[in-house]
PDB file of all heavy atoms in Angstrom:
ATOM      1  N   ASN A   1      86.519 109.468 108.345  1.00  0.00           N
ATOM      2  CA  ASN A   1      86.240 110.130 107.073  1.00  0.00           C
ATOM      3  C   ASN A   1      87.530 110.483 106.339  1.00  0.00           C
ATOM      4  O   ASN A   1      87.611 110.404 105.107  1.00  0.00           O
ATOM      5  CB  ASN A   1      85.414 111.391 107.312  1.00  0.00           C
ATOM      6  CG  ASN A   1      83.994 111.086 107.743  1.00  0.00           C
ATOM      7  OD1 ASN A   1      83.466 110.009 107.440  1.00  0.00           O
ATOM      8  ND2 ASN A   1      83.374 112.016 108.467  1.00  0.00           N
ATOM      9  N   GLU A   2      88.547 110.886 107.097  1.00  0.00           N
ATOM     10  CA  GLU A   2      89.835 111.207 106.487  1.00  0.00           C
ATOM     11  C   GLU A   2      90.459 109.975 105.837  1.00  0.00           C
ATOM     12  O   GLU A   2      90.986 110.044 104.709  1.00  0.00           O
ATOM     13  CB  GLU A   2      90.769 111.772 107.552  1.00  0.00           C
ATOM     14  CG  GLU A   2      92.128 112.184 107.003  1.00  0.00           C
ATOM     15  CD  GLU A   2      93.046 112.733 108.075  1.00  0.00           C
ATOM     16  OE1 GLU A   2      92.620 112.802 109.243  1.00  0.00           O
ATOM     17  OE2 GLU A   2      94.200 113.091 107.741  1.00  0.00           O
ATOM     18  N   ALA A   3      90.384 108.839 106.518  1.00  0.00           N
ATOM     19  CA  ALA A   3      90.909 107.595 105.953  1.00  0.00           C
ATOM     20  C   ALA A   3      90.115 107.186 104.720  1.00  0.00           C
ATOM     21  O   ALA A   3      90.674 106.694 103.733  1.00  0.00           O
ATOM     22  CB  ALA A   3      90.871 106.496 107.011  1.00  0.00           C
ATOM     23  N   ARG A   4      88.812 107.392 104.748  1.00  0.00           N
ATOM     24  CA  ARG A   4      87.962 107.059 103.590  1.00  0.00           C
ATOM     25  C   ARG A   4      88.309 107.954 102.400  1.00  0.00           C
ATOM     26  O   ARG A   4      88.358 107.499 101.255  1.00  0.00           O
ATOM     27  CB  ARG A   4      86.496 107.210 103.996  1.00  0.00           C
ATOM     28  CG  ARG A   4      85.515 106.567 103.035  1.00  0.00           C
ATOM     29  CD  ARG A   4      84.096 106.636 103.561  1.00  0.00           C
ATOM     30  NE  ARG A   4      83.927 105.771 104.741  1.00  0.00           N
ATOM     31  CZ  ARG A   4      83.729 106.205 105.983  1.00  0.00           C
ATOM     32  NH1 ARG A   4      83.714 107.506 106.233  1.00  0.00           N
ATOM     33  NH2 ARG A   4      83.576 105.359 106.972  1.00  0.00           N
ATOM     34  N   ALA A   5      88.549 109.257 102.649  1.00  0.00           N
ATOM     35  CA  ALA A   5      88.920 110.180 101.577  1.00  0.00           C
ATOM     36  C   ALA A   5      90.274 109.818 100.990  1.00  0.00           C
ATOM     37  O   ALA A   5      90.504 109.947  99.775  1.00  0.00           O
ATOM     38  CB  ALA A   5      88.938 111.608 102.102  1.00  0.00           C
ATOM     39  N   SER A   6      91.191 109.369 101.851  1.00  0.00           N
ATOM     40  CA  SER A   6      92.510 108.967 101.371  1.00  0.00           C
ATOM     41  C   SER A   6      92.396 107.781 100.421  1.00  0.00           C
ATOM     42  O   SER A   6      93.110 107.704  99.414  1.00  0.00           O
ATOM     43  CB  SER A   6      93.413 108.626 102.556  1.00  0.00           C
ATOM     44  OG  SER A   6      94.707 108.280 102.111  1.00  0.00           O
ATOM     45  N   ILE A   7      91.490 106.863 100.717  1.00  0.00           N
ATOM     46  CA  ILE A   7      91.261 105.724  99.822  1.00  0.00           C
ATOM     47  C   ILE A   7      90.646 106.215  98.516  1.00  0.00           C
ATOM     48  O   ILE A   7      91.014 105.785  97.408  1.00  0.00           O
ATOM     49  CB  ILE A   7      90.364 104.680 100.506  1.00  0.00           C
ATOM     50  CG1 ILE A   7      91.117 104.019 101.655  1.00  0.00           C
ATOM     51  CG2 ILE A   7      89.889 103.630  99.498  1.00  0.00           C
ATOM     52  CD1 ILE A   7      90.283 103.048 102.453  1.00  0.00           C
ATOM     53  N   GLY A   8      89.705 107.174  98.601  1.00  0.00           N
ATOM     54  CA  GLY A   8      89.073 107.724  97.391  1.00  0.00           C
ATOM     55  C   GLY A   8      90.063 108.404  96.477  1.00  0.00           C
ATOM     56  O   GLY A   8      89.938 108.358  95.247  1.00  0.00           O
ATOM     57  N   ASP A   9      91.079 109.049  97.073  1.00  0.00           N
ATOM     58  CA  ASP A   9      92.095 109.708  96.256  1.00  0.00           C
ATOM     59  C   ASP A   9      92.901 108.713  95.435  1.00  0.00           C
ATOM     60  O   ASP A   9      93.544 109.101  94.440  1.00  0.00           O
ATOM     61  CB  ASP A   9      93.057 110.502  97.149  1.00  0.00           C
ATOM     62  CG  ASP A   9      92.401 111.769  97.690  1.00  0.00           C
ATOM     63  OD1 ASP A   9      91.368 112.182  97.120  1.00  0.00           O
ATOM     64  OD2 ASP A   9      92.916 112.326  98.678  1.00  0.00           O
ATOM     65  N   ARG A  10      92.891 107.486  95.824  1.00  0.00           N
ATOM     66  CA  ARG A  10      93.667 106.457  95.127  1.00  0.00           C
ATOM     67  C   ARG A  10      92.848 105.735  94.063  1.00  0.00           C
ATOM     68  O   ARG A  10      93.326 104.766  93.469  1.00  0.00           O
ATOM     69  CB  ARG A  10      94.257 105.481  96.151  1.00  0.00           C
ATOM     70  CG  ARG A  10      95.451 106.074  96.875  1.00  0.00           C
ATOM     71  CD  ARG A  10      95.756 105.404  98.189  1.00  0.00           C
ATOM     72  NE  ARG A  10      97.006 105.906  98.753  1.00  0.00           N
ATOM     73  CZ  ARG A  10      97.131 107.088  99.352  1.00  0.00           C
ATOM     74  NH1 ARG A  10      96.083 107.891  99.469  1.00  0.00           N
ATOM     75  NH2 ARG A  10      98.302 107.471  99.835  1.00  0.00           N
ATOM     76  N   VAL A  11      91.636 106.213  93.839  1.00  0.00           N
ATOM     77  CA  VAL A  11      90.813 105.746  92.711  1.00  0.00           C
ATOM     78  C   VAL A  11      90.620 106.948  91.790  1.00  0.00           C
ATOM     79  O   VAL A  11      89.893 107.892  92.114  1.00  0.00           O
ATOM     80  CB  VAL A  11      89.463 105.188  93.176  1.00  0.00           C
ATOM     81  CG1 VAL A  11      88.639 104.731  91.967  1.00  0.00           C
ATOM     82  CG2 VAL A  11      89.667 104.047  94.156  1.00  0.00           C
ATOM     83  N   VAL A  12      91.278 106.948  90.641  1.00  0.00           N
ATOM     84  CA  VAL A  12      91.251 108.077  89.713  1.00  0.00           C
ATOM     85  C   VAL A  12      90.118 107.868  88.721  1.00  0.00           C
ATOM     86  O   VAL A  12      90.025 106.812  88.073  1.00  0.00           O
ATOM     87  CB  VAL A  12      92.597 108.204  88.970  1.00  0.00           C
ATOM     88  CG1 VAL A  12      92.578 109.399  88.018  1.00  0.00           C
ATOM     89  CG2 VAL A  12      93.743 108.333  89.965  1.00  0.00           C
ATOM     90  N   ARG A  13      89.245 108.878  88.592  1.00  0.00           N
ATOM     91  CA  ARG A  13      88.056 108.755  87.734  1.00  0.00           C
ATOM     92  C   ARG A  13      88.036 109.847  86.666  1.00  0.00           C
ATOM     93  O   ARG A  13      88.686 110.896  86.799  1.00  0.00           O
ATOM     94  CB  ARG A  13      86.785 108.830  88.581  1.00  0.00           C
ATOM     95  CG  ARG A  13      86.703 107.729  89.639  1.00  0.00           C
ATOM     96  CD  ARG A  13      85.391 107.744  90.396  1.00  0.00           C
ATOM     97  NE  ARG A  13      85.363 106.698  91.405  1.00  0.00           N
ATOM     98  CZ  ARG A  13      85.037 105.435  91.181  1.00  0.00           C
ATOM     99  NH1 ARG A  13      84.681 105.076  89.936  1.00  0.00           N
ATOM    100  NH2 ARG A  13      85.029 104.536  92.140  1.00  0.00           N
ATOM    101  N   ALA A  14      87.267 109.589  85.598  1.00  0.00           N
ATOM    102  CA  ALA A  14      87.138 110.555  84.504  1.00  0.00           C
ATOM    103  C   ALA A  14      86.268 111.720  84.953  1.00  0.00           C
ATOM    104  O   ALA A  14      85.159 111.511  85.457  1.00  0.00           O
ATOM    105  CB  ALA A  14      86.524 109.885  83.276  1.00  0.00           C
ATOM    106  N   PRO A  15      86.723 112.957  84.781  1.00  0.00           N
ATOM    107  CA  PRO A  15      85.924 114.115  85.218  1.00  0.00           C
ATOM    108  C   PRO A  15      84.734 114.409  84.312  1.00  0.00           C
ATOM    109  O   PRO A  15      83.787 115.080  84.710  1.00  0.00           O
ATOM    110  CB  PRO A  15      86.928 115.261  85.182  1.00  0.00           C
ATOM    111  CG  PRO A  15      87.943 114.837  84.168  1.00  0.00           C
ATOM    112  CD  PRO A  15      88.035 113.348  84.250  1.00  0.00           C
ATOM    113  N   PHE A  16      84.776 113.933  83.065  1.00  0.00           N
ATOM    114  CA  PHE A  16      83.661 114.090  82.127  1.00  0.00           C
ATOM    115  C   PHE A  16      83.801 113.012  81.057  1.00  0.00           C
ATOM    116  O   PHE A  16      84.841 112.330  80.969  1.00  0.00           O
ATOM    117  CB  PHE A  16      83.640 115.493  81.492  1.00  0.00           C
ATOM    118  CG  PHE A  16      84.969 115.950  80.953  1.00  0.00           C
ATOM    119  CD1 PHE A  16      85.442 115.507  79.721  1.00  0.00           C
ATOM    120  CD2 PHE A  16      85.765 116.825  81.683  1.00  0.00           C
ATOM    121  CE1 PHE A  16      86.671 115.917  79.236  1.00  0.00           C
ATOM    122  CE2 PHE A  16      86.993 117.243  81.203  1.00  0.00           C
ATOM    123  CZ  PHE A  16      87.444 116.794  79.985  1.00  0.00           C
ATOM    124  N   SER A  17      82.759 112.854  80.261  1.00  0.00           N
ATOM    125  CA  SER A  17      82.782 111.840  79.194  1.00  0.00           C
ATOM    126  C   SER A  17      83.664 112.317  78.043  1.00  0.00           C
ATOM    127  O   SER A  17      83.667 113.506  77.692  1.00  0.00           O
ATOM    128  CB  SER A  17      81.363 111.586  78.684  1.00  0.00           C
ATOM    129  OG  SER A  17      80.538 111.090  79.722  1.00  0.00           O
ATOM    130  N   GLY A  18      84.411 111.395  77.455  1.00  0.00           N
ATOM    131  CA  GLY A  18      85.272 111.754  76.337  1.00  0.00           C
ATOM    132  C   GLY A  18      86.212 110.619  75.973  1.00  0.00           C
ATOM    133  O   GLY A  18      86.093 109.498  76.489  1.00  0.00           O
ATOM    134  N   TYR A  19      87.120 110.929  75.060  1.00  0.00           N
ATOM    135  CA  TYR A  19      88.094 109.940  74.591  1.00  0.00           C
ATOM    136  C   TYR A  19      89.397 110.103  75.368  1.00  0.00           C
ATOM    137  O   TYR A  19      89.868 111.225  75.571  1.00  0.00           O
ATOM    138  CB  TYR A  19      88.361 110.125  73.098  1.00  0.00           C
ATOM    139  CG  TYR A  19      87.179 109.790  72.224  1.00  0.00           C
ATOM    140  CD1 TYR A  19      86.247 110.768  71.889  1.00  0.00           C
ATOM    141  CD2 TYR A  19      86.988 108.497  71.736  1.00  0.00           C
ATOM    142  CE1 TYR A  19      85.152 110.467  71.088  1.00  0.00           C
ATOM    143  CE2 TYR A  19      85.897 108.190  70.936  1.00  0.00           C
ATOM    144  CZ  TYR A  19      84.986 109.183  70.624  1.00  0.00           C
ATOM    145  OH  TYR A  19      83.895 108.884  69.838  1.00  0.00           O
ATOM    146  N   VAL A  20      89.964 108.968  75.774  1.00  0.00           N
ATOM    147  CA  VAL A  20      91.234 109.021  76.492  1.00  0.00           C
ATOM    148  C   VAL A  20      92.383 108.905  75.495  1.00  0.00           C
ATOM    149  O   VAL A  20      92.231 108.369  74.397  1.00  0.00           O
ATOM    150  CB  VAL A  20      91.342 107.900  77.550  1.00  0.00           C
ATOM    151  CG1 VAL A  20      90.346 108.113  78.659  1.00  0.00           C
ATOM    152  CG2 VAL A  20      91.158 106.527  76.912  1.00  0.00           C
ATOM    153  N   SER A  21      93.514 109.389  75.896  1.00  0.00           N
ATOM    154  CA  SER A  21      94.694 109.354  75.050  1.00  0.00           C
ATOM    155  C   SER A  21      95.295 107.956  75.034  1.00  0.00           C
ATOM    156  O   SER A  21      94.812 107.034  75.704  1.00  0.00           O
ATOM    157  CB  SER A  21      95.726 110.348  75.579  1.00  0.00           C
ATOM    158  OG  SER A  21      96.073 109.991  76.911  1.00  0.00           O
ATOM    159  N   LEU A  22      96.344 107.795  74.255  1.00  0.00           N
ATOM    160  CA  LEU A  22      97.078 106.530  74.259  1.00  0.00           C
ATOM    161  C   LEU A  22      97.694 106.299  75.634  1.00  0.00           C
ATOM    162  O   LEU A  22      98.217 107.219  76.264  1.00  0.00           O
ATOM    163  CB  LEU A  22      98.167 106.555  73.186  1.00  0.00           C
ATOM    164  CG  LEU A  22      97.697 106.787  71.746  1.00  0.00           C
ATOM    165  CD1 LEU A  22      98.888 106.727  70.797  1.00  0.00           C
ATOM    166  CD2 LEU A  22      96.650 105.764  71.329  1.00  0.00           C
ATOM    167  N   ARG A  23      97.629 105.046  76.098  1.00  0.00           N
ATOM    168  CA  ARG A  23      98.121 104.715  77.441  1.00  0.00           C
ATOM    169  C   ARG A  23      99.643 104.667  77.441  1.00  0.00           C
ATOM    170  O   ARG A  23     100.256 104.008  76.613  1.00  0.00           O
ATOM    171  CB  ARG A  23      97.523 103.372  77.874  1.00  0.00           C
ATOM    172  CG  ARG A  23      97.866 102.974  79.284  1.00  0.00           C
ATOM    173  CD  ARG A  23      96.947 101.856  79.763  1.00  0.00           C
ATOM    174  NE  ARG A  23      97.027 100.674  78.929  1.00  0.00           N
ATOM    175  CZ  ARG A  23      97.930  99.698  79.097  1.00  0.00           C
ATOM    176  NH1 ARG A  23      98.817  99.780  80.067  1.00  0.00           N
ATOM    177  NH2 ARG A  23      97.931  98.649  78.304  1.00  0.00           N
ATOM    178  N   ARG A  24     100.253 105.351  78.410  1.00  0.00           N
ATOM    179  CA  ARG A  24     101.712 105.376  78.533  1.00  0.00           C
ATOM    180  C   ARG A  24     102.193 104.853  79.883  1.00  0.00           C
ATOM    181  O   ARG A  24     103.351 105.023  80.237  1.00  0.00           O
ATOM    182  CB  ARG A  24     102.224 106.805  78.311  1.00  0.00           C
ATOM    183  CG  ARG A  24     101.988 107.306  76.892  1.00  0.00           C
ATOM    184  CD  ARG A  24     102.529 108.707  76.693  1.00  0.00           C
ATOM    185  NE  ARG A  24     102.378 109.134  75.311  1.00  0.00           N
ATOM    186  CZ  ARG A  24     101.292 109.687  74.802  1.00  0.00           C
ATOM    187  NH1 ARG A  24     100.227 109.879  75.570  1.00  0.00           N
ATOM    188  NH2 ARG A  24     101.231 110.036  73.527  1.00  0.00           N
ATOM    189  N   ILE A  25     101.289 104.245  80.643  1.00  0.00           N
ATOM    190  CA  ILE A  25     101.646 103.649  81.927  1.00  0.00           C
ATOM    191  C   ILE A  25     101.107 102.226  81.963  1.00  0.00           C
ATOM    192  O   ILE A  25     100.228 101.861  81.175  1.00  0.00           O
ATOM    193  CB  ILE A  25     101.077 104.459  83.108  1.00  0.00           C
ATOM    194  CG1 ILE A  25      99.559 104.581  82.975  1.00  0.00           C
ATOM    195  CG2 ILE A  25     101.733 105.828  83.202  1.00  0.00           C
ATOM    196  CD1 ILE A  25      98.905 105.236  84.156  1.00  0.00           C
ATOM    197  N   SER A  26     101.635 101.428  82.877  1.00  0.00           N
ATOM    198  CA  SER A  26     101.232 100.034  82.994  1.00  0.00           C
ATOM    199  C   SER A  26     100.940  99.699  84.448  1.00  0.00           C
ATOM    200  O   SER A  26     101.397 100.392  85.376  1.00  0.00           O
ATOM    201  CB  SER A  26     102.329  99.098  82.459  1.00  0.00           C
ATOM    202  OG  SER A  26     102.620  99.377  81.109  1.00  0.00           O
ATOM    203  N   VAL A  27     100.199  98.614  84.634  1.00  0.00           N
ATOM    204  CA  VAL A  27      99.917  98.130  85.979  1.00  0.00           C
ATOM    205  C   VAL A  27     101.242  97.724  86.631  1.00  0.00           C
ATOM    206  O   VAL A  27     102.083  97.070  86.010  1.00  0.00           O
ATOM    207  CB  VAL A  27      98.945  96.941  85.926  1.00  0.00           C
ATOM    208  CG1 VAL A  27      98.781  96.310  87.309  1.00  0.00           C
ATOM    209  CG2 VAL A  27      97.599  97.384  85.373  1.00  0.00           C
ATOM    210  N   GLY A  28     101.418  98.131  87.865  1.00  0.00           N
ATOM    211  CA  GLY A  28     102.648  97.830  88.596  1.00  0.00           C
ATOM    212  C   GLY A  28     103.631  98.969  88.622  1.00  0.00           C
ATOM    213  O   GLY A  28     104.559  98.966  89.444  1.00  0.00           O
ATOM    214  N   ALA A  29     103.450  99.935  87.755  1.00  0.00           N
ATOM    215  CA  ALA A  29     104.357 101.086  87.738  1.00  0.00           C
ATOM    216  C   ALA A  29     104.071 101.994  88.923  1.00  0.00           C
ATOM    217  O   ALA A  29     102.933 102.125  89.378  1.00  0.00           O
ATOM    218  CB  ALA A  29     104.206 101.854  86.438  1.00  0.00           C
ATOM    219  N   VAL A  30     105.115 102.615  89.434  1.00  0.00           N
ATOM    220  CA  VAL A  30     104.962 103.580  90.519  1.00  0.00           C
ATOM    221  C   VAL A  30     104.900 104.976  89.911  1.00  0.00           C
ATOM    222  O   VAL A  30     105.800 105.380  89.166  1.00  0.00           O
ATOM    223  CB  VAL A  30     106.126 103.483  91.517  1.00  0.00           C
ATOM    224  CG1 VAL A  30     106.009 104.567  92.588  1.00  0.00           C
ATOM    225  CG2 VAL A  30     106.149 102.108  92.172  1.00  0.00           C
ATOM    226  N   VAL A  31     103.823 105.685  90.198  1.00  0.00           N
ATOM    227  CA  VAL A  31     103.662 107.052  89.697  1.00  0.00           C
ATOM    228  C   VAL A  31     103.864 108.028  90.845  1.00  0.00           C
ATOM    229  O   VAL A  31     103.502 107.750  91.992  1.00  0.00           O
ATOM    230  CB  VAL A  31     102.268 107.248  89.066  1.00  0.00           C
ATOM    231  CG1 VAL A  31     102.137 106.467  87.781  1.00  0.00           C
ATOM    232  CG2 VAL A  31     101.164 106.869  90.035  1.00  0.00           C
ATOM    233  N   SER A  32     104.452 109.142  90.533  1.00  0.00           N
ATOM    234  CA  SER A  32     104.625 110.200  91.519  1.00  0.00           C
ATOM    235  C   SER A  32     103.440 111.153  91.473  1.00  0.00           C
ATOM    236  O   SER A  32     102.714 111.219  90.467  1.00  0.00           O
ATOM    237  CB  SER A  32     105.923 110.965  91.251  1.00  0.00           C
ATOM    238  OG  SER A  32     107.040 110.106  91.320  1.00  0.00           O
ATOM    239  N   ALA A  33     103.245 111.885  92.525  1.00  0.00           N
ATOM    240  CA  ALA A  33     102.164 112.869  92.553  1.00  0.00           C
ATOM    241  C   ALA A  33     102.362 113.874  91.415  1.00  0.00           C
ATOM    242  O   ALA A  33     103.433 114.458  91.268  1.00  0.00           O
ATOM    243  CB  ALA A  33     102.145 113.580  93.899  1.00  0.00           C
ATOM    244  N   GLY A  34     101.337 114.036  90.597  1.00  0.00           N
ATOM    245  CA  GLY A  34     101.420 114.952  89.459  1.00  0.00           C
ATOM    246  C   GLY A  34     101.722 114.281  88.141  1.00  0.00           C
ATOM    247  O   GLY A  34     101.607 114.917  87.084  1.00  0.00           O
ATOM    248  N   ASP A  35     102.077 113.001  88.134  1.00  0.00           N
ATOM    249  CA  ASP A  35     102.320 112.285  86.874  1.00  0.00           C
ATOM    250  C   ASP A  35     101.000 112.061  86.135  1.00  0.00           C
ATOM    251  O   ASP A  35      99.973 111.748  86.754  1.00  0.00           O
ATOM    252  CB  ASP A  35     102.995 110.933  87.136  1.00  0.00           C
ATOM    253  CG  ASP A  35     104.447 111.076  87.535  1.00  0.00           C
ATOM    254  OD1 ASP A  35     104.963 112.207  87.468  1.00  0.00           O
ATOM    255  OD2 ASP A  35     105.054 110.054  87.925  1.00  0.00           O
ATOM    256  N   GLU A  36     101.049 112.201  84.801  1.00  0.00           N
ATOM    257  CA  GLU A  36      99.834 112.006  84.011  1.00  0.00           C
ATOM    258  C   GLU A  36      99.477 110.534  83.911  1.00  0.00           C
ATOM    259  O   GLU A  36     100.320 109.694  83.619  1.00  0.00           O
ATOM    260  CB  GLU A  36     100.009 112.583  82.604  1.00  0.00           C
ATOM    261  CG  GLU A  36      98.748 112.469  81.753  1.00  0.00           C
ATOM    262  CD  GLU A  36      98.906 113.067  80.365  1.00  0.00           C
ATOM    263  OE1 GLU A  36      99.384 112.344  79.465  1.00  0.00           O
ATOM    264  OE2 GLU A  36      98.561 114.246  80.202  1.00  0.00           O
ATOM    265  N   ILE A  37      98.202 110.247  84.154  1.00  0.00           N
ATOM    266  CA  ILE A  37      97.684 108.890  83.973  1.00  0.00           C
ATOM    267  C   ILE A  37      96.993 108.781  82.617  1.00  0.00           C
ATOM    268  O   ILE A  37      97.176 107.809  81.887  1.00  0.00           O
ATOM    269  CB  ILE A  37      96.722 108.527  85.114  1.00  0.00           C
ATOM    270  CG1 ILE A  37      97.496 108.437  86.427  1.00  0.00           C
ATOM    271  CG2 ILE A  37      95.990 107.231  84.825  1.00  0.00           C
ATOM    272  CD1 ILE A  37      96.640 108.183  87.639  1.00  0.00           C
ATOM    273  N   ALA A  38      96.211 109.784  82.258  1.00  0.00           N
ATOM    274  CA  ALA A  38      95.527 109.798  80.959  1.00  0.00           C
ATOM    275  C   ALA A  38      95.066 111.218  80.662  1.00  0.00           C
ATOM    276  O   ALA A  38      94.850 112.021  81.587  1.00  0.00           O
ATOM    277  CB  ALA A  38      94.338 108.843  80.957  1.00  0.00           C
ATOM    278  N   ALA A  39      94.916 111.531  79.378  1.00  0.00           N
ATOM    279  CA  ALA A  39      94.310 112.793  78.948  1.00  0.00           C
ATOM    280  C   ALA A  39      92.923 112.480  78.423  1.00  0.00           C
ATOM    281  O   ALA A  39      92.753 111.584  77.590  1.00  0.00           O
ATOM    282  CB  ALA A  39      95.156 113.471  77.880  1.00  0.00           C
ATOM    283  N   VAL A  40      91.920 113.187  78.919  1.00  0.00           N
ATOM    284  CA  VAL A  40      90.531 112.962  78.504  1.00  0.00           C
ATOM    285  C   VAL A  40      90.100 114.155  77.659  1.00  0.00           C
ATOM    286  O   VAL A  40      90.269 115.310  78.062  1.00  0.00           O
ATOM    287  CB  VAL A  40      89.612 112.787  79.715  1.00  0.00           C
ATOM    288  CG1 VAL A  40      88.184 112.492  79.256  1.00  0.00           C
ATOM    289  CG2 VAL A  40      90.114 111.658  80.617  1.00  0.00           C
ATOM    290  N   ASN A  41      89.527 113.860  76.473  1.00  0.00           N
ATOM    291  CA  ASN A  41      89.118 114.907  75.528  1.00  0.00           C
ATOM    292  C   ASN A  41      87.642 114.756  75.187  1.00  0.00           C
ATOM    293  O   ASN A  41      87.215 113.693  74.717  1.00  0.00           O
ATOM    294  CB  ASN A  41      89.931 114.816  74.234  1.00  0.00           C
ATOM    295  CG  ASN A  41      91.418 114.975  74.476  1.00  0.00           C
ATOM    296  OD1 ASN A  41      91.937 116.068  74.503  1.00  0.00           O
ATOM    297  ND2 ASN A  41      92.113 113.852  74.664  1.00  0.00           N
ATOM    298  N   ASP A  42      86.902 115.815  75.403  1.00  0.00           N
ATOM    299  CA  ASP A  42      85.498 115.857  74.984  1.00  0.00           C
ATOM    300  C   ASP A  42      85.464 116.377  73.555  1.00  0.00           C
ATOM    301  O   ASP A  42      85.716 117.559  73.308  1.00  0.00           O
ATOM    302  CB  ASP A  42      84.703 116.759  75.918  1.00  0.00           C
ATOM    303  CG  ASP A  42      83.255 116.937  75.463  1.00  0.00           C
ATOM    304  OD1 ASP A  42      82.820 116.211  74.546  1.00  0.00           O
ATOM    305  OD2 ASP A  42      82.558 117.809  76.026  1.00  0.00           O
TER     306      ASP A  42
END
């Protein structure tokens, strides 16, 4: 279960429906813990 949760943490999902901000990251980039992936606005 711990390994399954670790995999789930690596799939980032929208917490609610809304508009996302302009994208400032690209595929292949390395992000650090706490780096913003997107801003979601209801």
